[in-house]
Amino acid sequence: EALATMANLMARDNDPGRDDEKRLERFMMHKPTIFTGGYNPEGAIK
């Protein structure tokens, strides 16, 4: 029974449709710095 429960949990967690969502959640857990800059293509080339 424990093995069946574990297999069900692993199958549910292995949903390829949610891969991007899981990656974003994992990234956001690390509290990344917020980008507050602007778009300035002329300032990038010197």
C-alpha atoms as a PDB file:
ATOM      1  CA  GLU A   1       0.000   0.000   0.000  1.00  0.00           C
ATOM      2  CA  ALA A   2       2.829   2.403   0.851  1.00  0.00           C
ATOM      3  CA  LEU A   3       4.503   1.621  -2.451  1.00  0.00           C
ATOM      4  CA  ALA A   4       1.277   2.294  -4.355  1.00  0.00           C
ATOM      5  CA  THR A   5       0.830   5.613  -2.556  1.00  0.00           C
ATOM      6  CA  MET A   6       4.401   6.614  -3.350  1.00  0.00           C
ATOM      7  CA  ALA A   7       3.962   5.644  -7.010  1.00  0.00           C
ATOM      8  CA  ASN A   8       0.792   7.753  -7.239  1.00  0.00           C
ATOM      9  CA  LEU A   9       2.542  10.756  -5.704  1.00  0.00           C
ATOM     10  CA  MET A  10       5.475  10.429  -8.083  1.00  0.00           C
ATOM     11  CA  ALA A  11       3.172  10.076 -11.086  1.00  0.00           C
ATOM     12  CA  ARG A  12       1.222  13.158 -10.060  1.00  0.00           C
ATOM     13  CA  ASP A  13       4.451  15.128  -9.519  1.00  0.00           C
ATOM     14  CA  ASN A  14       5.808  14.069 -12.921  1.00  0.00           C
ATOM     15  CA  ASP A  15       3.298  16.081 -14.952  1.00  0.00           C
ATOM     16  CA  PRO A  16       5.246  17.528 -17.913  1.00  0.00           C
ATOM     17  CA  GLY A  17       2.659  20.265 -18.335  1.00  0.00           C
ATOM     18  CA  ARG A  18       3.587  21.755 -14.982  1.00  0.00           C
ATOM     19  CA  ASP A  19       7.382  21.734 -15.485  1.00  0.00           C
ATOM     20  CA  ASP A  20       7.589  25.463 -16.231  1.00  0.00           C
ATOM     21  CA  GLU A  21       5.316  26.269 -13.338  1.00  0.00           C
ATOM     22  CA  LYS A  22       7.422  24.208 -10.920  1.00  0.00           C
ATOM     23  CA  ARG A  23      10.627  25.847 -12.161  1.00  0.00           C
ATOM     24  CA  LEU A  24       9.156  29.301 -11.631  1.00  0.00           C
ATOM     25  CA  GLU A  25       8.009  28.369  -8.116  1.00  0.00           C
ATOM     26  CA  ARG A  26      11.481  27.037  -7.296  1.00  0.00           C
ATOM     27  CA  PHE A  27      13.090  30.221  -8.680  1.00  0.00           C
ATOM     28  CA  MET A  28      10.751  32.505  -6.738  1.00  0.00           C
ATOM     29  CA  MET A  29      11.437  30.638  -3.471  1.00  0.00           C
ATOM     30  CA  HIS A  30      14.992  32.038  -3.570  1.00  0.00           C
ATOM     31  CA  LYS A  31      13.597  35.601  -3.551  1.00  0.00           C
ATOM     32  CA  PRO A  32      15.406  36.943  -6.643  1.00  0.00           C
ATOM     33  CA  THR A  33      16.179  40.638  -6.845  1.00  0.00           C
ATOM     34  CA  ILE A  34      13.572  42.669  -8.679  1.00  0.00           C
ATOM     35  CA  PHE A  35      14.682  44.336 -11.904  1.00  0.00           C
ATOM     36  CA  THR A  36      13.924  48.050 -11.570  1.00  0.00           C
ATOM     37  CA  GLY A  37      15.937  49.311 -14.529  1.00  0.00           C
ATOM     38  CA  GLY A  38      14.578  50.539 -17.789  1.00  0.00           C
ATOM     39  CA  TYR A  39      15.066  49.898 -21.467  1.00  0.00           C
ATOM     40  CA  ASN A  40      17.882  52.052 -22.860  1.00  0.00           C
ATOM     41  CA  PRO A  41      19.459  50.555 -25.992  1.00  0.00           C
ATOM     42  CA  GLU A  42      21.512  53.708 -26.676  1.00  0.00           C
ATOM     43  CA  GLY A  43      23.107  53.614 -23.221  1.00  0.00           C
ATOM     44  CA  ALA A  44      24.134  49.992 -23.673  1.00  0.00           C
ATOM     45  CA  ILE A  45      26.383  50.747 -26.645  1.00  0.00           C
ATOM     46  CA  LYS A  46      29.351  52.998 -25.928  1.00  0.00           C
END
